[in-house]
C-alpha atoms as a PDB file:
ATOM      1  CA  UNK A   1       2.305   3.087  -6.687  1.00  0.00           C
ATOM      2  CA  UNK A   2       3.410   6.243  -8.451  1.00  0.00           C
ATOM      3  CA  UNK A   3       6.285   4.732 -10.393  1.00  0.00           C
ATOM      4  CA  UNK A   4       4.208   1.752 -11.565  1.00  0.00           C
ATOM      5  CA  UNK A   5       1.350   4.056 -12.518  1.00  0.00           C
ATOM      6  CA  UNK A   6       3.683   6.355 -14.449  1.00  0.00           C
ATOM      7  CA  UNK A   7       5.121   3.386 -16.345  1.00  0.00           C
ATOM      8  CA  UNK A   8       1.652   2.013 -17.056  1.00  0.00           C
ATOM      9  CA  UNK A   9       0.355   5.330 -18.401  1.00  0.00           C
ATOM     10  CA  UNK A  10       3.448   6.077 -20.483  1.00  0.00           C
ATOM     11  CA  UNK A  11       3.104   2.681 -22.152  1.00  0.00           C
ATOM     12  CA  UNK A  12      -0.424   3.724 -23.108  1.00  0.00           C
ATOM     13  CA  UNK A  13       0.815   6.981 -24.610  1.00  0.00           C
ATOM     14  CA  UNK A  14      -0.097   9.402 -21.832  1.00  0.00           C
ATOM     15  CA  UNK A  15       1.941  12.473 -20.951  1.00  0.00           C
ATOM     16  CA  UNK A  16       2.576  12.097 -17.217  1.00  0.00           C
ATOM     17  CA  UNK A  17       3.004  14.956 -14.752  1.00  0.00           C
ATOM     18  CA  UNK A  18       3.413  14.569 -11.028  1.00  0.00           C
ATOM     19  CA  UNK A  19       3.542  16.370  -7.717  1.00  0.00           C
ATOM     20  CA  UNK A  20       5.766  15.731  -4.719  1.00  0.00           C
ATOM     21  CA  UNK A  21       5.461  16.110  -0.980  1.00  0.00           C
ATOM     22  CA  UNK A  22       8.166  18.271   0.569  1.00  0.00           C
ATOM     23  CA  UNK A  23      11.100  16.110   1.616  1.00  0.00           C
ATOM     24  CA  UNK A  24      14.627  16.631   2.859  1.00  0.00           C
ATOM     25  CA  UNK A  25      15.901  14.661  -0.117  1.00  0.00           C
ATOM     26  CA  UNK A  26      15.032  14.679  -3.795  1.00  0.00           C
ATOM     27  CA  UNK A  27      14.874  10.969  -4.503  1.00  0.00           C
ATOM     28  CA  UNK A  28      14.091   9.876  -8.045  1.00  0.00           C
ATOM     29  CA  UNK A  29      15.562   6.376  -7.784  1.00  0.00           C
ATOM     30  CA  UNK A  30      12.309   4.550  -8.471  1.00  0.00           C
ATOM     31  CA  UNK A  31      11.557   6.582 -11.572  1.00  0.00           C
ATOM     32  CA  UNK A  32      15.049   7.396 -12.810  1.00  0.00           C
ATOM     33  CA  UNK A  33      14.331   5.642 -16.104  1.00  0.00           C
ATOM     34  CA  UNK A  34      11.235   7.839 -16.487  1.00  0.00           C
ATOM     35  CA  UNK A  35      12.662  11.025 -14.993  1.00  0.00           C
ATOM     36  CA  UNK A  36      15.121  11.308 -17.879  1.00  0.00           C
ATOM     37  CA  UNK A  37      12.166  11.547 -20.240  1.00  0.00           C
ATOM     38  CA  UNK A  38      11.368  15.255 -20.709  1.00  0.00           C
ATOM     39  CA  UNK A  39       7.619  14.628 -20.993  1.00  0.00           C
ATOM     40  CA  UNK A  40       7.480  12.954 -17.575  1.00  0.00           C
ATOM     41  CA  UNK A  41       7.539  14.625 -14.168  1.00  0.00           C
ATOM     42  CA  UNK A  42       8.136  13.231 -10.699  1.00  0.00           C
ATOM     43  CA  UNK A  43       5.233  11.288  -9.231  1.00  0.00           C
ATOM     44  CA  UNK A  44       4.708  11.774  -5.482  1.00  0.00           C
ATOM     45  CA  UNK A  45       2.097  10.538  -3.026  1.00  0.00           C
ATOM     46  CA  UNK A  46       0.265  11.349   0.184  1.00  0.00           C
ATOM     47  CA  UNK A  47       1.393  10.422   3.687  1.00  0.00           C
ATOM     48  CA  UNK A  48       0.435   6.740   3.662  1.00  0.00           C
ATOM     49  CA  UNK A  49       2.113   5.256   6.738  1.00  0.00           C
ATOM     50  CA  UNK A  50      -0.472   4.289   9.363  1.00  0.00           C
ATOM     51  CA  UNK A  51       1.913   4.102  12.335  1.00  0.00           C
ATOM     52  CA  UNK A  52       3.505   7.448  11.409  1.00  0.00           C
ATOM     53  CA  UNK A  53       0.060   9.062  11.276  1.00  0.00           C
ATOM     54  CA  UNK A  54      -0.264   8.700  15.057  1.00  0.00           C
ATOM     55  CA  UNK A  55       2.878  10.796  15.500  1.00  0.00           C
ATOM     56  CA  UNK A  56       2.096  13.257  12.688  1.00  0.00           C
ATOM     57  CA  UNK A  57      -1.681  13.411  12.926  1.00  0.00           C
ATOM     58  CA  UNK A  58      -2.103  17.069  11.925  1.00  0.00           C
ATOM     59  CA  UNK A  59       0.263  16.717   8.975  1.00  0.00           C
ATOM     60  CA  UNK A  60      -1.521  13.545   7.862  1.00  0.00           C
ATOM     61  CA  UNK A  61      -4.879  15.322   7.951  1.00  0.00           C
ATOM     62  CA  UNK A  62      -3.494  18.295   6.038  1.00  0.00           C
ATOM     63  CA  UNK A  63      -2.050  16.156   3.258  1.00  0.00           C
ATOM     64  CA  UNK A  64      -4.492  13.248   2.982  1.00  0.00           C
ATOM     65  CA  UNK A  65      -7.765  15.022   3.764  1.00  0.00           C
ATOM     66  CA  UNK A  66      -7.317  18.664   2.793  1.00  0.00           C
ATOM     67  CA  UNK A  67      -4.943  17.781  -0.039  1.00  0.00           C
ATOM     68  CA  UNK A  68      -7.786  15.925  -1.738  1.00  0.00           C
ATOM     69  CA  UNK A  69     -10.134  18.861  -1.203  1.00  0.00           C
ATOM     70  CA  UNK A  70      -7.625  21.319  -2.669  1.00  0.00           C
ATOM     71  CA  UNK A  71      -7.306  19.366  -5.899  1.00  0.00           C
ATOM     72  CA  UNK A  72     -11.076  19.022  -6.243  1.00  0.00           C
ATOM     73  CA  UNK A  73     -11.464  22.748  -5.585  1.00  0.00           C
ATOM     74  CA  UNK A  74      -8.860  23.491  -8.249  1.00  0.00           C
ATOM     75  CA  UNK A  75     -10.859  21.441 -10.756  1.00  0.00           C
ATOM     76  CA  UNK A  76     -14.019  23.369  -9.869  1.00  0.00           C
ATOM     77  CA  UNK A  77     -12.450  26.845  -9.743  1.00  0.00           C
ATOM     78  CA  UNK A  78     -10.723  26.344 -13.100  1.00  0.00           C
ATOM     79  CA  UNK A  79     -13.964  25.204 -14.700  1.00  0.00           C
ATOM     80  CA  UNK A  80     -12.611  21.756 -15.567  1.00  0.00           C
ATOM     81  CA  UNK A  81     -15.554  19.730 -14.252  1.00  0.00           C
ATOM     82  CA  UNK A  82     -16.399  18.404 -17.719  1.00  0.00           C
ATOM     83  CA  UNK A  83     -12.870  17.691 -18.910  1.00  0.00           C
ATOM     84  CA  UNK A  84     -10.943  16.276 -15.936  1.00  0.00           C
ATOM     85  CA  UNK A  85     -11.266  12.812 -14.427  1.00  0.00           C
ATOM     86  CA  UNK A  86     -10.117  12.494 -10.818  1.00  0.00           C
ATOM     87  CA  UNK A  87      -8.965   9.316  -9.078  1.00  0.00           C
ATOM     88  CA  UNK A  88      -8.676   9.286  -5.280  1.00  0.00           C
ATOM     89  CA  UNK A  89      -6.345   6.657  -3.805  1.00  0.00           C
ATOM     90  CA  UNK A  90      -8.534   5.474  -0.976  1.00  0.00           C
ATOM     91  CA  UNK A  91      -7.645   2.662   1.415  1.00  0.00           C
ATOM     92  CA  UNK A  92      -8.849  -0.449   3.221  1.00  0.00           C
ATOM     93  CA  UNK A  93      -7.852   1.334   6.452  1.00  0.00           C
ATOM     94  CA  UNK A  94     -11.267   3.007   6.175  1.00  0.00           C
ATOM     95  CA  UNK A  95     -12.760  -0.248   7.475  1.00  0.00           C
ATOM     96  CA  UNK A  96     -10.505  -0.402  10.548  1.00  0.00           C
ATOM     97  CA  UNK A  97     -12.541  -2.264  13.154  1.00  0.00           C
ATOM     98  CA  UNK A  98     -14.330  -4.247  10.484  1.00  0.00           C
ATOM     99  CA  UNK A  99     -18.118  -4.377  10.585  1.00  0.00           C
ATOM    100  CA  UNK A 100     -18.392  -7.322   8.200  1.00  0.00           C
ATOM    101  CA  UNK A 101     -16.162  -9.892   6.510  1.00  0.00           C
ATOM    102  CA  UNK A 102     -15.248  -9.551   3.707  1.00  0.00           C
ATOM    103  CA  UNK A 103     -15.347  -5.792   3.213  1.00  0.00           C
ATOM    104  CA  UNK A 104     -17.046  -4.389   0.129  1.00  0.00           C
ATOM    105  CA  UNK A 105     -18.184  -0.998  -1.170  1.00  0.00           C
ATOM    106  CA  UNK A 106     -21.264  -1.016   1.094  1.00  0.00           C
ATOM    107  CA  UNK A 107     -19.453  -2.028   4.308  1.00  0.00           C
ATOM    108  CA  UNK A 108     -19.677   0.657   7.045  1.00  0.00           C
ATOM    109  CA  UNK A 109     -16.406   2.443   7.758  1.00  0.00           C
ATOM    110  CA  UNK A 110     -14.718   2.433  11.183  1.00  0.00           C
ATOM    111  CA  UNK A 111     -11.172   3.843  10.811  1.00  0.00           C
ATOM    112  CA  UNK A 112      -8.703   3.223  13.647  1.00  0.00           C
ATOM    113  CA  UNK A 113      -5.912   5.704  12.937  1.00  0.00           C
ATOM    114  CA  UNK A 114      -5.420   9.375  12.040  1.00  0.00           C
ATOM    115  CA  UNK A 115      -4.483   8.120   8.570  1.00  0.00           C
ATOM    116  CA  UNK A 116      -7.744   6.202   8.220  1.00  0.00           C
ATOM    117  CA  UNK A 117      -9.772   9.155   9.502  1.00  0.00           C
ATOM    118  CA  UNK A 118      -8.056  11.552   7.081  1.00  0.00           C
ATOM    119  CA  UNK A 119      -8.689   9.183   4.181  1.00  0.00           C
ATOM    120  CA  UNK A 120     -12.319   8.907   5.264  1.00  0.00           C
ATOM    121  CA  UNK A 121     -12.671  12.659   4.771  1.00  0.00           C
ATOM    122  CA  UNK A 122     -10.994  12.270   1.391  1.00  0.00           C
ATOM    123  CA  UNK A 123     -13.450   9.533   0.440  1.00  0.00           C
ATOM    124  CA  UNK A 124     -16.548  11.516   1.310  1.00  0.00           C
ATOM    125  CA  UNK A 125     -15.364  14.811  -0.186  1.00  0.00           C
ATOM    126  CA  UNK A 126     -14.869  12.957  -3.480  1.00  0.00           C
ATOM    127  CA  UNK A 127     -18.430  11.636  -3.267  1.00  0.00           C
ATOM    128  CA  UNK A 128     -19.707  15.103  -2.348  1.00  0.00           C
ATOM    129  CA  UNK A 129     -17.991  16.909  -5.233  1.00  0.00           C
ATOM    130  CA  UNK A 130     -19.066  14.179  -7.644  1.00  0.00           C
ATOM    131  CA  UNK A 131     -22.689  14.663  -6.652  1.00  0.00           C
ATOM    132  CA  UNK A 132     -22.603  18.448  -6.189  1.00  0.00           C
ATOM    133  CA  UNK A 133     -20.566  19.469  -9.239  1.00  0.00           C
ATOM    134  CA  UNK A 134     -20.904  16.455 -11.538  1.00  0.00           C
ATOM    135  CA  UNK A 135     -17.129  15.883 -11.551  1.00  0.00           C
ATOM    136  CA  UNK A 136     -15.934  12.504 -12.779  1.00  0.00           C
ATOM    137  CA  UNK A 137     -14.319  11.635  -9.433  1.00  0.00           C
ATOM    138  CA  UNK A 138     -13.877   8.121  -8.085  1.00  0.00           C
ATOM    139  CA  UNK A 139     -12.514   6.400  -4.996  1.00  0.00           C
ATOM    140  CA  UNK A 140     -10.393   3.304  -5.390  1.00  0.00           C
ATOM    141  CA  UNK A 141     -10.604   1.482  -2.054  1.00  0.00           C
ATOM    142  CA  UNK A 142      -7.358  -0.407  -2.476  1.00  0.00           C
ATOM    143  CA  UNK A 143      -6.407  -3.096  -0.013  1.00  0.00           C
ATOM    144  CA  UNK A 144      -2.731  -3.546   0.849  1.00  0.00           C
ATOM    145  CA  UNK A 145      -0.606  -3.706  -2.270  1.00  0.00           C
ATOM    146  CA  UNK A 146       3.118  -4.289  -2.159  1.00  0.00           C
ATOM    147  CA  UNK A 147       6.132  -4.520  -4.450  1.00  0.00           C
ATOM    148  CA  UNK A 148       9.931  -4.360  -4.347  1.00  0.00           C
ATOM    149  CA  UNK A 149       9.469  -0.569  -4.460  1.00  0.00           C
ATOM    150  CA  UNK A 150       7.558  -0.492  -1.177  1.00  0.00           C
ATOM    151  CA  UNK A 151       8.934   1.935   1.415  1.00  0.00           C
ATOM    152  CA  UNK A 152      11.490   0.466   3.796  1.00  0.00           C
ATOM    153  CA  UNK A 153       9.492   1.199   6.963  1.00  0.00           C
ATOM    154  CA  UNK A 154       6.401  -0.755   5.888  1.00  0.00           C
ATOM    155  CA  UNK A 155       6.176  -4.200   7.468  1.00  0.00           C
ATOM    156  CA  UNK A 156       6.327  -6.252   4.260  1.00  0.00           C
ATOM    157  CA  UNK A 157       9.438  -4.523   2.991  1.00  0.00           C
ATOM    158  CA  UNK A 158      10.986  -4.602   6.446  1.00  0.00           C
ATOM    159  CA  UNK A 159      10.558  -8.379   6.407  1.00  0.00           C
ATOM    160  CA  UNK A 160      12.003  -8.944   2.937  1.00  0.00           C
ATOM    161  CA  UNK A 161      14.943  -6.582   3.507  1.00  0.00           C
ATOM    162  CA  UNK A 162      15.756  -8.299   6.786  1.00  0.00           C
ATOM    163  CA  UNK A 163      15.443 -11.797   5.335  1.00  0.00           C
ATOM    164  CA  UNK A 164      17.754 -10.766   2.491  1.00  0.00           C
ATOM    165  CA  UNK A 165      20.318  -9.436   4.978  1.00  0.00           C
ATOM    166  CA  UNK A 166      20.108 -12.645   7.035  1.00  0.00           C
ATOM    167  CA  UNK A 167      20.588 -14.714   3.872  1.00  0.00           C
ATOM    168  CA  UNK A 168      23.737 -12.733   3.064  1.00  0.00           C
ATOM    169  CA  UNK A 169      25.056 -12.858   6.629  1.00  0.00           C
ATOM    170  CA  UNK A 170      24.540  -9.128   7.207  1.00  0.00           C
ATOM    171  CA  UNK A 171      21.956  -9.389  10.012  1.00  0.00           C
ATOM    172  CA  UNK A 172      21.218 -11.741  12.911  1.00  0.00           C
ATOM    173  CA  UNK A 173      17.574 -10.945  13.682  1.00  0.00           C
ATOM    174  CA  UNK A 174      14.875  -8.305  13.266  1.00  0.00           C
ATOM    175  CA  UNK A 175      11.887  -7.060  15.268  1.00  0.00           C
ATOM    176  CA  UNK A 176       8.203  -6.847  14.405  1.00  0.00           C
ATOM    177  CA  UNK A 177       4.956  -5.872  16.112  1.00  0.00           C
ATOM    178  CA  UNK A 178       1.656  -7.735  15.742  1.00  0.00           C
ATOM    179  CA  UNK A 179       2.490 -11.060  14.083  1.00  0.00           C
ATOM    180  CA  UNK A 180      -1.154 -12.088  13.840  1.00  0.00           C
ATOM    181  CA  UNK A 181      -2.457  -9.039  11.968  1.00  0.00           C
ATOM    182  CA  UNK A 182      -4.013 -10.263   8.717  1.00  0.00           C
ATOM    183  CA  UNK A 183      -4.130  -8.331   5.480  1.00  0.00           C
ATOM    184  CA  UNK A 184      -5.332  -8.810   1.920  1.00  0.00           C
ATOM    185  CA  UNK A 185      -2.016  -8.333   0.093  1.00  0.00           C
ATOM    186  CA  UNK A 186      -1.756  -7.844  -3.675  1.00  0.00           C
ATOM    187  CA  UNK A 187       0.860  -6.516  -6.095  1.00  0.00           C
ATOM    188  CA  UNK A 188       0.970  -2.783  -6.836  1.00  0.00           C
ATOM    189  CA  UNK A 189       1.515  -3.491 -10.519  1.00  0.00           C
ATOM    190  CA  UNK A 190      -1.886  -5.210 -10.723  1.00  0.00           C
ATOM    191  CA  UNK A 191      -3.612  -2.473  -8.780  1.00  0.00           C
ATOM    192  CA  UNK A 192      -2.538   0.456 -10.963  1.00  0.00           C
ATOM    193  CA  UNK A 193      -4.363  -1.227 -13.847  1.00  0.00           C
ATOM    194  CA  UNK A 194      -7.537  -1.141 -11.751  1.00  0.00           C
ATOM    195  CA  UNK A 195      -7.004   2.577 -11.109  1.00  0.00           C
ATOM    196  CA  UNK A 196      -6.890   3.244 -14.833  1.00  0.00           C
ATOM    197  CA  UNK A 197      -9.898   1.045 -15.562  1.00  0.00           C
ATOM    198  CA  UNK A 198     -12.030   3.022 -13.095  1.00  0.00           C
ATOM    199  CA  UNK A 199     -11.439   6.141 -15.169  1.00  0.00           C
ATOM    200  CA  UNK A 200     -12.482   4.428 -18.402  1.00  0.00           C
ATOM    201  CA  UNK A 201     -16.071   3.835 -17.275  1.00  0.00           C
ATOM    202  CA  UNK A 202     -19.053   5.789 -18.579  1.00  0.00           C
ATOM    203  CA  UNK A 203     -20.134   6.801 -15.082  1.00  0.00           C
ATOM    204  CA  UNK A 204     -17.934   7.485 -12.032  1.00  0.00           C
ATOM    205  CA  UNK A 205     -18.186   4.805  -9.359  1.00  0.00           C
ATOM    206  CA  UNK A 206     -16.192   3.706  -6.321  1.00  0.00           C
ATOM    207  CA  UNK A 207     -14.560   0.270  -6.307  1.00  0.00           C
ATOM    208  CA  UNK A 208     -12.898  -2.080  -3.839  1.00  0.00           C
ATOM    209  CA  UNK A 209      -9.687  -3.556  -5.259  1.00  0.00           C
ATOM    210  CA  UNK A 210      -8.459  -6.679  -3.457  1.00  0.00           C
ATOM    211  CA  UNK A 211      -7.328 -10.269  -3.980  1.00  0.00           C
ATOM    212  CA  UNK A 212      -9.906 -11.878  -1.704  1.00  0.00           C
ATOM    213  CA  UNK A 213      -7.199 -13.686   0.286  1.00  0.00           C
ATOM    214  CA  UNK A 214      -5.986 -12.794   3.781  1.00  0.00           C
ATOM    215  CA  UNK A 215      -2.553 -13.678   5.155  1.00  0.00           C
ATOM    216  CA  UNK A 216      -0.936 -12.879   8.496  1.00  0.00           C
ATOM    217  CA  UNK A 217       2.347 -11.101   9.108  1.00  0.00           C
ATOM    218  CA  UNK A 218       3.504 -14.425  10.553  1.00  0.00           C
ATOM    219  CA  UNK A 219       2.751 -16.185   7.236  1.00  0.00           C
ATOM    220  CA  UNK A 220       4.622 -13.492   5.325  1.00  0.00           C
ATOM    221  CA  UNK A 221       7.689 -14.109   7.500  1.00  0.00           C
ATOM    222  CA  UNK A 222       7.487 -17.882   7.075  1.00  0.00           C
ATOM    223  CA  UNK A 223       7.184 -17.708   3.290  1.00  0.00           C
ATOM    224  CA  UNK A 224      10.019 -15.196   2.984  1.00  0.00           C
ATOM    225  CA  UNK A 225      12.353 -17.431   4.992  1.00  0.00           C
ATOM    226  CA  UNK A 226      11.215 -20.546   3.148  1.00  0.00           C
ATOM    227  CA  UNK A 227      12.242 -18.869  -0.100  1.00  0.00           C
ATOM    228  CA  UNK A 228      15.863 -18.698   1.146  1.00  0.00           C
ATOM    229  CA  UNK A 229      15.769 -22.286   2.362  1.00  0.00           C
ATOM    230  CA  UNK A 230      15.133 -21.627   6.059  1.00  0.00           C
ATOM    231  CA  UNK A 231      12.187 -22.889   8.116  1.00  0.00           C
ATOM    232  CA  UNK A 232      10.941 -20.703  10.954  1.00  0.00           C
ATOM    233  CA  UNK A 233       9.324 -22.177  14.075  1.00  0.00           C
ATOM    234  CA  UNK A 234       7.681 -20.063  16.762  1.00  0.00           C
ATOM    235  CA  UNK A 235       8.164 -20.245  20.518  1.00  0.00           C
ATOM    236  CA  UNK A 236       6.671 -18.252  23.381  1.00  0.00           C
ATOM    237  CA  UNK A 237       3.634 -15.991  23.532  1.00  0.00           C
ATOM    238  CA  UNK A 238       2.879 -12.295  23.262  1.00  0.00           C
ATOM    239  CA  UNK A 239       5.872  -9.992  23.431  1.00  0.00           C
ATOM    240  CA  UNK A 240       8.049 -12.957  24.423  1.00  0.00           C
ATOM    241  CA  UNK A 241       7.378 -14.830  21.197  1.00  0.00           C
ATOM    242  CA  UNK A 242      10.352 -15.469  18.925  1.00  0.00           C
ATOM    243  CA  UNK A 243      10.865 -17.020  15.510  1.00  0.00           C
ATOM    244  CA  UNK A 244      13.763 -19.471  15.306  1.00  0.00           C
ATOM    245  CA  UNK A 245      15.416 -21.297  12.454  1.00  0.00           C
ATOM    246  CA  UNK A 246      14.322 -24.895  12.870  1.00  0.00           C
ATOM    247  CA  UNK A 247      17.695 -26.398  11.980  1.00  0.00           C
ATOM    248  CA  UNK A 248      20.060 -24.067  13.821  1.00  0.00           C
ATOM    249  CA  UNK A 249      17.839 -22.765  16.626  1.00  0.00           C
ATOM    250  CA  UNK A 250      19.046 -19.221  15.921  1.00  0.00           C
ATOM    251  CA  UNK A 251      16.492 -16.551  16.805  1.00  0.00           C
ATOM    252  CA  UNK A 252      15.666 -14.544  13.689  1.00  0.00           C
ATOM    253  CA  UNK A 253      12.467 -12.701  14.683  1.00  0.00           C
ATOM    254  CA  UNK A 254      11.570 -10.966  17.939  1.00  0.00           C
ATOM    255  CA  UNK A 255       8.469  -9.034  18.991  1.00  0.00           C
ATOM    256  CA  UNK A 256       8.914  -5.427  20.101  1.00  0.00           C
ATOM    257  CA  UNK A 257       5.912  -3.570  21.602  1.00  0.00           C
ATOM    258  CA  UNK A 258       7.100  -0.280  20.087  1.00  0.00           C
ATOM    259  CA  UNK A 259       5.842  -1.520  16.719  1.00  0.00           C
ATOM    260  CA  UNK A 260       2.276  -2.024  17.969  1.00  0.00           C
ATOM    261  CA  UNK A 261      -0.259   0.588  16.885  1.00  0.00           C
ATOM    262  CA  UNK A 262      -2.154   2.515  19.586  1.00  0.00           C
ATOM    263  CA  UNK A 263      -5.359   1.187  17.973  1.00  0.00           C
ATOM    264  CA  UNK A 264      -4.786  -2.002  16.007  1.00  0.00           C
ATOM    265  CA  UNK A 265      -6.508  -3.181  12.830  1.00  0.00           C
ATOM    266  CA  UNK A 266      -6.428  -6.954  13.083  1.00  0.00           C
ATOM    267  CA  UNK A 267      -8.151  -8.250   9.963  1.00  0.00           C
ATOM    268  CA  UNK A 268      -8.778  -6.863   6.492  1.00  0.00           C
ATOM    269  CA  UNK A 269     -10.197  -8.935   3.630  1.00  0.00           C
ATOM    270  CA  UNK A 270     -11.643  -7.363   0.511  1.00  0.00           C
ATOM    271  CA  UNK A 271     -14.476  -8.402  -1.784  1.00  0.00           C
ATOM    272  CA  UNK A 272     -13.689  -7.035  -5.250  1.00  0.00           C
ATOM    273  CA  UNK A 273     -16.692  -8.638  -6.982  1.00  0.00           C
ATOM    274  CA  UNK A 274     -17.849  -5.269  -8.318  1.00  0.00           C
ATOM    275  CA  UNK A 275     -14.431  -4.527  -9.868  1.00  0.00           C
ATOM    276  CA  UNK A 276     -14.158  -8.018 -11.319  1.00  0.00           C
ATOM    277  CA  UNK A 277     -17.637  -7.740 -12.831  1.00  0.00           C
ATOM    278  CA  UNK A 278     -17.736  -4.121 -14.016  1.00  0.00           C
ATOM    279  CA  UNK A 279     -14.060  -3.496 -14.777  1.00  0.00           C
ATOM    280  CA  UNK A 280     -13.228  -7.055 -15.882  1.00  0.00           C
ATOM    281  CA  UNK A 281     -10.252  -6.768 -13.539  1.00  0.00           C
ATOM    282  CA  UNK A 282      -8.522  -9.539 -11.643  1.00  0.00           C
ATOM    283  CA  UNK A 283      -5.132  -9.795  -9.901  1.00  0.00           C
ATOM    284  CA  UNK A 284      -2.491 -11.646 -11.904  1.00  0.00           C
ATOM    285  CA  UNK A 285       0.328 -11.987  -9.348  1.00  0.00           C
ATOM    286  CA  UNK A 286      -0.218 -14.381  -6.431  1.00  0.00           C
ATOM    287  CA  UNK A 287       0.747 -13.783  -2.812  1.00  0.00           C
ATOM    288  CA  UNK A 288       3.548 -16.352  -3.034  1.00  0.00           C
ATOM    289  CA  UNK A 289       4.918 -14.747  -6.196  1.00  0.00           C
ATOM    290  CA  UNK A 290       4.774 -11.326  -4.543  1.00  0.00           C
ATOM    291  CA  UNK A 291       6.768 -12.404  -1.485  1.00  0.00           C
ATOM    292  CA  UNK A 292       9.373 -14.216  -3.575  1.00  0.00           C
ATOM    293  CA  UNK A 293       9.795 -11.242  -5.920  1.00  0.00           C
ATOM    294  CA  UNK A 294      10.334  -8.884  -2.997  1.00  0.00           C
ATOM    295  CA  UNK A 295      12.875 -11.178  -1.318  1.00  0.00           C
ATOM    296  CA  UNK A 296      14.806 -11.711  -4.561  1.00  0.00           C
ATOM    297  CA  UNK A 297      14.853  -7.984  -5.262  1.00  0.00           C
ATOM    298  CA  UNK A 298      16.168  -7.176  -1.787  1.00  0.00           C
ATOM    299  CA  UNK A 299      18.848  -9.861  -2.015  1.00  0.00           C
ATOM    300  CA  UNK A 300      20.126  -8.229  -5.198  1.00  0.00           C
ATOM    301  CA  UNK A 301      19.918  -4.792  -3.548  1.00  0.00           C
ATOM    302  CA  UNK A 302      21.894  -5.906  -0.483  1.00  0.00           C
ATOM    303  CA  UNK A 303      24.531  -7.524  -2.669  1.00  0.00           C
ATOM    304  CA  UNK A 304      25.067  -4.203  -4.443  1.00  0.00           C
ATOM    305  CA  UNK A 305      24.605  -1.931  -1.428  1.00  0.00           C
ATOM    306  CA  UNK A 306      25.025  -3.787   1.894  1.00  0.00           C
ATOM    307  CA  UNK A 307      24.262  -0.613   3.841  1.00  0.00           C
ATOM    308  CA  UNK A 308      20.932  -0.034   2.055  1.00  0.00           C
END
């Protein structure tokens, strides 16, 4: 989201600064066109990979939970309560084992991962500091939002990269986990506008940002392949299920248990009525357009850099 948000704010005349998580590499590829601008600094983000959070639970808590607290404390200690507006990138993973469908601002939380639990702390510490210190601090409960800039290890990008490689003859098949997990997928470019709109309100409030449509991982795969002129049919059940090209019979998708989460989140569907009403916000890019854009982008990437 950081690169889209930086672009969005710069277009509106903001001076953008950013922070970065420690990494073994200094990668500015997504913001190279902005990084050259001396008034813009690198935009980083928290640890946002759910599966990784099970392996790096303490680190995830330190960054996603305590990281939020540290910034709020800095605002308070520096006496900036009246001049700073704070946006917390919250997540639909708060809902986890969903207590109602669709999920809205009043839906009880039930996170199912260290990531979700850490973000739950972040959510409530924002509410606490807003009420205790009158800081303009808001939570954006964003449902899954994707783009061609999505990290390579996230399932949507893994699918589009693999489909692009198959289209170009660089890959035979790829492996996924839970094919039937359903998510409310939108485009990151639409969602950064909602972030900004939350900070333009007279009073700080929390908002769900979602499309109101749920699609399965299986559907995502089918649409991605359809975009390159291939039809996928499914055979088998459970970990033995495979996705084959209808015409050739070649297996293109396999299920690998290593990609299952220890505690799965099967269904997320957001109700963004409050955002649509109060912020006058609505998603502009459809699910089909999102998938096609990501596939096209990865085809161009693999043409330039086959080893990417």
